[in-house]
Amino acid sequence: MARTVRAAILQAKWTGDTASMIDVHESYARAAAEQGARVMGFQEVFNAPYFCQVQEAEHYRWAEPVPDGPTVQRMQALARETGMVLVVPVFEIESAGNYYNTAAVIDADGTVLGKYRKHHIPQVRGFWEKYYFKPGNLGWPVFDTAVGKVGVYICYDRHFPEGWRALGLAGAEIVFNPSATSRGLSAYLWQLEQPAAAVANEYFVAAINRVGVEEYGDNDFYGTSYFVDPRGQFVGDVASGTEEELLVRDLDLDMIEEVRQLWAFYRDRRPDAYGPLVES
């Protein structure tokens, strides 16, 4: 029997406040569920603006515990209501002074299966993330969900092949890459890196970007979110470069095994020779 999963991603404009931003995402999630989606991912720190365009202590106010904070708990209720697996990126406070760029993974029954913390933290103009976030310390977990094995890799992580590979080795079938990336800095890489990662690691990637210009800087988030299959081909059209958009696509998970048999990249790996890659 074919393993086809209907999946959704949303690129959204910042509404101006957390309450309405969450309302928007809940509305789109219900629309996705009505279209038959069984798994959905949101953009990086979805319930807040991309405040990392500045370095100001006032923005620590966006942080909350994971999984016990109000946003993740509300998303648990949404998962139960819609019967969808949800990938929910938020600004996490673990304890005083310990903050992470995090995504909670919630199963279709509302159970929080765990979380991923972003490993690679940029510190360049317009992306002052080291001011806010510690590097992730939970490895690269793959979550056994109602739709299959789901992994997460957040924004700047995508430039580093090691985590993509770790997710593949752990059995990931769909990897969500919630992002906040702007026009001009690395836009030409957006439709290059994730398809290449999907090919190299032979799984599906859901690439999600914010859209629009927000209040804390002039970063122009260019959307163009998409799904890409293990052959590196887009699944349906890429989203708008300027407008909010919900994408719902059917992912044929049987393709993963077909491609792995055809290209055999995992068979031909040489971990015995890779030691120097992790030496300082």
Protein backbone atom coordinates (compact mmCIF):
# COMPACT_ATOMS: atom_id res chain seq x y z
CA MET A 1 0.00 0.00 0.00
CA ALA A 2 1.37 3.38 -1.00
CA ARG A 3 2.51 5.68 1.79
CA THR A 4 1.28 9.09 0.76
CA VAL A 5 1.15 11.88 3.34
CA ARG A 6 -0.63 15.16 2.72
CA ALA A 7 1.52 17.88 4.30
CA ALA A 8 1.15 21.63 4.76
CA ILE A 9 3.41 24.60 5.38
CA LEU A 10 2.52 28.24 5.94
CA GLN A 11 4.45 31.40 5.16
CA ALA A 12 2.83 34.29 7.02
CA LYS A 13 3.23 38.03 7.47
CA TRP A 14 3.76 39.41 10.96
CA THR A 15 0.43 40.72 12.22
CA GLY A 16 1.80 43.04 14.91
CA ASP A 17 1.04 41.00 18.02
CA THR A 18 1.30 37.44 19.27
CA ALA A 19 -2.40 36.86 19.88
CA SER A 20 -3.45 37.66 16.32
CA MET A 21 -0.43 35.85 14.88
CA ILE A 22 -1.47 32.66 16.65
CA ASP A 23 -5.07 33.20 15.50
CA VAL A 24 -3.86 33.42 11.88
CA HIS A 25 -1.91 30.19 12.19
CA GLU A 26 -4.82 28.38 13.80
CA SER A 27 -7.11 29.50 10.98
CA TYR A 28 -4.70 28.28 8.30
CA ALA A 29 -4.15 25.01 10.19
CA ARG A 30 -7.88 24.35 10.20
CA ALA A 31 -7.99 25.13 6.47
CA ALA A 32 -5.12 22.71 5.86
CA ALA A 33 -6.87 20.00 7.87
CA GLU A 34 -10.05 20.55 5.85
CA GLN A 35 -7.95 19.88 2.74
CA GLY A 36 -6.79 16.60 4.24
CA ALA A 37 -3.38 17.61 5.59
CA ARG A 38 -2.02 15.36 8.33
CA VAL A 39 1.16 17.26 9.18
CA MET A 40 1.94 20.98 9.15
CA GLY A 41 4.95 23.18 9.86
CA PHE A 42 5.17 26.87 10.76
CA GLN A 43 7.96 29.44 10.16
CA GLU A 44 10.82 30.28 12.53
CA VAL A 45 9.64 31.86 15.84
CA PHE A 46 6.21 31.84 14.27
CA ASN A 47 4.36 33.67 17.07
CA ALA A 48 6.71 36.68 17.15
CA PRO A 49 8.37 39.14 14.79
CA TYR A 50 11.90 38.39 13.68
CA PHE A 51 13.31 40.52 16.51
CA CYS A 52 16.90 39.41 15.82
CA GLN A 53 17.27 42.31 13.41
CA VAL A 54 18.16 44.30 16.54
CA GLN A 55 19.95 43.57 19.82
CA GLU A 56 17.64 44.79 22.56
CA ALA A 57 16.90 43.15 25.90
CA GLU A 58 13.19 43.99 25.58
CA HIS A 59 12.84 41.13 23.10
CA TYR A 60 13.47 38.46 25.69
CA ARG A 61 9.78 38.97 26.45
CA TRP A 62 8.90 36.76 23.48
CA ALA A 63 10.44 33.70 25.18
CA GLU A 64 8.40 31.01 26.92
CA PRO A 65 8.93 27.49 28.24
CA VAL A 66 8.69 24.47 25.95
CA PRO A 67 6.55 22.42 26.29
CA ASP A 68 4.82 24.05 29.26
CA GLY A 69 4.38 27.55 27.83
CA PRO A 70 1.08 28.95 26.58
CA THR A 71 1.83 28.75 22.85
CA VAL A 72 2.84 25.10 22.77
CA GLN A 73 -0.08 24.16 25.01
CA ARG A 74 -2.45 25.96 22.66
CA MET A 75 -0.89 24.15 19.71
CA GLN A 76 -1.40 20.84 21.51
CA ALA A 77 -5.12 21.61 21.60
CA LEU A 78 -5.00 22.54 17.90
CA ALA A 79 -3.28 19.25 17.04
CA ARG A 80 -5.97 17.32 18.90
CA GLU A 81 -8.71 19.32 17.20
CA THR A 82 -7.37 18.92 13.67
CA GLY A 83 -5.73 15.49 14.01
CA MET A 84 -2.53 16.91 12.51
CA VAL A 85 1.10 16.56 13.52
CA LEU A 86 2.44 20.10 14.13
CA VAL A 87 5.98 21.52 13.98
CA VAL A 88 5.92 24.64 16.14
CA PRO A 89 8.99 26.95 16.23
CA VAL A 90 9.20 29.35 19.21
CA PHE A 91 11.69 31.30 21.33
CA GLU A 92 12.35 29.04 24.33
CA ILE A 93 13.41 29.95 27.85
CA GLU A 94 14.76 26.91 29.69
CA SER A 95 15.83 28.78 32.84
CA ALA A 96 17.08 32.24 33.75
CA GLY A 97 19.71 33.22 31.15
CA ASN A 98 19.28 30.08 29.05
CA TYR A 99 17.41 30.72 25.80
CA TYR A 100 17.11 28.67 22.62
CA ASN A 101 15.67 28.91 19.11
CA THR A 102 13.43 25.86 19.36
CA ALA A 103 10.77 23.87 17.54
CA ALA A 104 8.35 21.62 19.40
CA VAL A 105 7.01 18.57 17.57
CA ILE A 106 3.44 17.69 18.55
CA ASP A 107 1.79 14.45 17.51
CA ALA A 108 -1.70 14.24 16.04
CA ASP A 109 -3.20 13.42 19.46
CA GLY A 110 -1.69 16.52 21.05
CA THR A 111 1.26 14.76 22.70
CA VAL A 112 4.50 16.76 22.68
CA LEU A 113 7.01 14.24 21.34
CA GLY A 114 10.00 16.47 22.01
CA LYS A 115 11.85 19.48 20.66
CA TYR A 116 14.75 20.48 18.45
CA ARG A 117 17.06 23.37 19.37
CA LYS A 118 18.84 25.22 16.57
CA HIS A 119 22.53 24.32 16.53
CA HIS A 120 24.11 26.99 14.35
CA ILE A 121 23.54 30.56 15.53
CA PRO A 122 24.35 33.45 13.16
CA GLN A 123 25.71 36.83 14.26
CA VAL A 124 25.75 39.10 11.22
CA ARG A 125 23.97 42.32 10.29
CA GLY A 126 20.22 41.86 10.50
CA PHE A 127 20.57 38.42 12.10
CA TRP A 128 21.96 39.10 15.59
CA GLU A 129 20.93 35.74 17.01
CA LYS A 130 23.87 35.12 19.35
CA TYR A 131 22.53 38.01 21.45
CA TYR A 132 19.45 35.90 22.21
CA PHE A 133 20.11 32.19 21.67
CA LYS A 134 22.50 29.57 22.98
CA PRO A 135 23.53 26.84 20.50
CA GLY A 136 21.26 23.81 20.58
CA ASN A 137 22.27 20.94 22.84
CA LEU A 138 19.72 18.20 22.12
CA GLY A 139 21.31 16.67 19.04
CA TRP A 140 19.28 15.99 15.92
CA PRO A 141 16.23 14.03 17.10
CA VAL A 142 13.87 12.31 14.72
CA PHE A 143 10.32 11.97 15.98
CA ASP A 144 8.14 8.92 15.32
CA THR A 145 4.83 10.65 14.52
CA ALA A 146 1.43 9.58 13.25
CA VAL A 147 2.59 10.39 9.68
CA GLY A 148 6.09 8.94 9.81
CA LYS A 149 9.54 9.99 10.97
CA VAL A 150 9.88 13.78 11.19
CA GLY A 151 12.99 15.88 11.78
CA VAL A 152 13.64 19.62 12.13
CA TYR A 153 16.56 21.83 11.05
CA ILE A 154 16.13 25.58 11.64
CA CYS A 155 17.07 28.38 9.19
CA TYR A 156 20.86 29.03 9.37
CA ASP A 157 21.37 25.32 10.13
CA ARG A 158 20.65 24.64 6.47
CA HIS A 159 24.13 25.88 5.47
CA PHE A 160 25.75 23.02 7.42
CA PRO A 161 25.51 19.52 5.89
CA GLU A 162 26.30 17.61 9.06
CA GLY A 163 22.88 17.99 10.67
CA TRP A 164 21.05 17.10 7.47
CA ARG A 165 23.04 13.86 7.39
CA ALA A 166 22.49 13.13 11.08
CA LEU A 167 18.73 13.38 10.50
CA GLY A 168 18.94 10.99 7.57
CA LEU A 169 20.99 8.48 9.53
CA ALA A 170 18.38 8.63 12.28
CA GLY A 171 15.67 7.70 9.78
CA ALA A 172 14.02 11.02 8.95
CA GLU A 173 11.49 10.88 6.13
CA ILE A 174 10.37 14.54 6.20
CA VAL A 175 12.58 17.34 7.52
CA PHE A 176 10.98 20.71 8.24
CA ASN A 177 13.28 23.74 7.82
CA PRO A 178 11.51 26.77 9.35
CA SER A 179 13.36 29.93 8.40
CA ALA A 180 13.55 33.73 8.38
CA THR A 181 15.77 34.59 5.44
CA SER A 182 15.81 37.87 3.55
CA ARG A 183 16.25 39.02 0.00
CA GLY A 184 19.80 40.00 -0.94
CA LEU A 185 21.77 38.15 1.74
CA SER A 186 21.55 34.60 0.42
CA ALA A 187 18.37 34.42 -1.65
CA TYR A 188 20.08 32.58 -4.51
CA LEU A 189 20.93 29.75 -2.09
CA TRP A 190 17.31 29.23 -1.03
CA GLN A 191 16.34 27.01 -3.97
CA LEU A 192 19.77 25.38 -4.07
CA GLU A 193 20.65 24.17 -0.57
CA GLN A 194 17.49 22.38 0.56
CA PRO A 195 17.00 20.50 -2.73
CA ALA A 196 20.67 19.50 -2.55
CA ALA A 197 20.17 18.31 1.03
CA ALA A 198 17.09 16.34 0.00
CA VAL A 199 19.12 14.61 -2.72
CA ALA A 200 22.22 13.97 -0.61
CA ASN A 201 20.18 12.52 2.24
CA GLU A 202 17.30 11.07 0.23
CA TYR A 203 14.27 12.38 2.09
CA PHE A 204 11.63 15.11 1.75
CA VAL A 205 12.34 18.67 2.89
CA ALA A 206 9.75 21.32 3.75
CA ALA A 207 11.40 24.74 3.41
CA ILE A 208 9.40 27.49 5.13
CA ASN A 209 10.27 31.19 4.99
CA ARG A 210 8.66 34.29 6.46
CA VAL A 211 7.28 36.90 4.06
CA GLY A 212 7.28 40.71 4.12
CA VAL A 213 9.12 43.52 5.91
CA GLU A 214 8.67 43.76 9.67
CA GLU A 215 8.92 46.52 12.24
CA TYR A 216 12.40 45.89 13.67
CA GLY A 217 14.47 46.26 10.51
CA ASP A 218 14.55 46.35 6.73
CA ASN A 219 15.00 42.61 6.10
CA ASP A 220 12.68 41.70 3.21
CA PHE A 221 11.61 38.12 3.89
CA TYR A 222 10.91 36.66 0.49
CA GLY A 223 8.69 33.65 1.14
CA THR A 224 8.98 31.18 -1.78
CA SER A 225 8.38 28.27 0.61
CA TYR A 226 8.26 24.82 -0.92
CA PHE A 227 8.38 21.05 -0.57
CA VAL A 228 11.15 19.14 -2.31
CA ASP A 229 11.37 15.38 -2.83
CA PRO A 230 14.32 12.97 -2.51
CA ARG A 231 15.15 13.50 -6.19
CA GLY A 232 15.57 17.24 -5.57
CA GLN A 233 12.40 18.15 -7.45
CA PHE A 234 9.80 20.60 -6.17
CA VAL A 235 6.50 19.03 -5.17
CA GLY A 236 4.06 21.36 -6.87
CA ASP A 237 4.70 25.07 -7.24
CA VAL A 238 6.87 27.23 -5.02
CA ALA A 239 4.95 29.77 -2.92
CA SER A 240 4.71 33.50 -3.59
CA GLY A 241 7.71 35.75 -3.05
CA THR A 242 5.58 38.56 -1.61
CA GLU A 243 2.32 37.20 -0.21
CA GLU A 244 1.15 35.02 2.64
CA GLU A 245 0.40 31.52 1.40
CA LEU A 246 -0.60 28.07 2.57
CA LEU A 247 0.90 25.15 0.64
CA VAL A 248 -0.69 21.68 0.83
CA ARG A 249 1.09 18.89 -1.02
CA ASP A 250 1.00 15.08 -1.26
CA LEU A 251 4.32 13.45 -0.38
CA ASP A 252 4.93 9.92 -1.67
CA LEU A 253 7.09 8.46 1.09
CA ASP A 254 7.65 5.29 -0.95
CA MET A 255 9.93 7.42 -3.13
CA ILE A 256 12.51 7.45 -0.32
CA GLU A 257 13.24 3.75 -0.56
CA GLU A 258 13.13 3.84 -4.36
CA VAL A 259 15.73 6.61 -4.49
CA ARG A 260 17.94 4.98 -1.86
CA GLN A 261 17.99 1.77 -3.88
CA LEU A 262 18.72 3.69 -7.09
CA TRP A 263 21.44 6.05 -5.85
CA ALA A 264 22.73 4.03 -2.87
CA PHE A 265 24.37 7.00 -1.17
CA TYR A 266 23.94 5.45 2.28
CA ARG A 267 25.54 2.22 1.14
CA ASP A 268 28.58 4.04 -0.19
CA ARG A 269 29.23 6.30 2.78
CA ARG A 270 32.72 6.09 4.33
CA PRO A 271 32.35 7.00 8.02
CA ASP A 272 35.67 5.25 8.67
CA ALA A 273 37.35 8.00 6.64
CA TYR A 274 35.49 11.00 8.04
CA GLY A 275 37.30 11.46 11.35
CA PRO A 276 39.24 14.57 10.28
CA LEU A 277 35.96 16.36 9.51
CA VAL A 278 35.17 16.74 13.21
CA GLU A 279 38.67 17.52 14.46
CA SER A 280 39.11 21.12 15.65
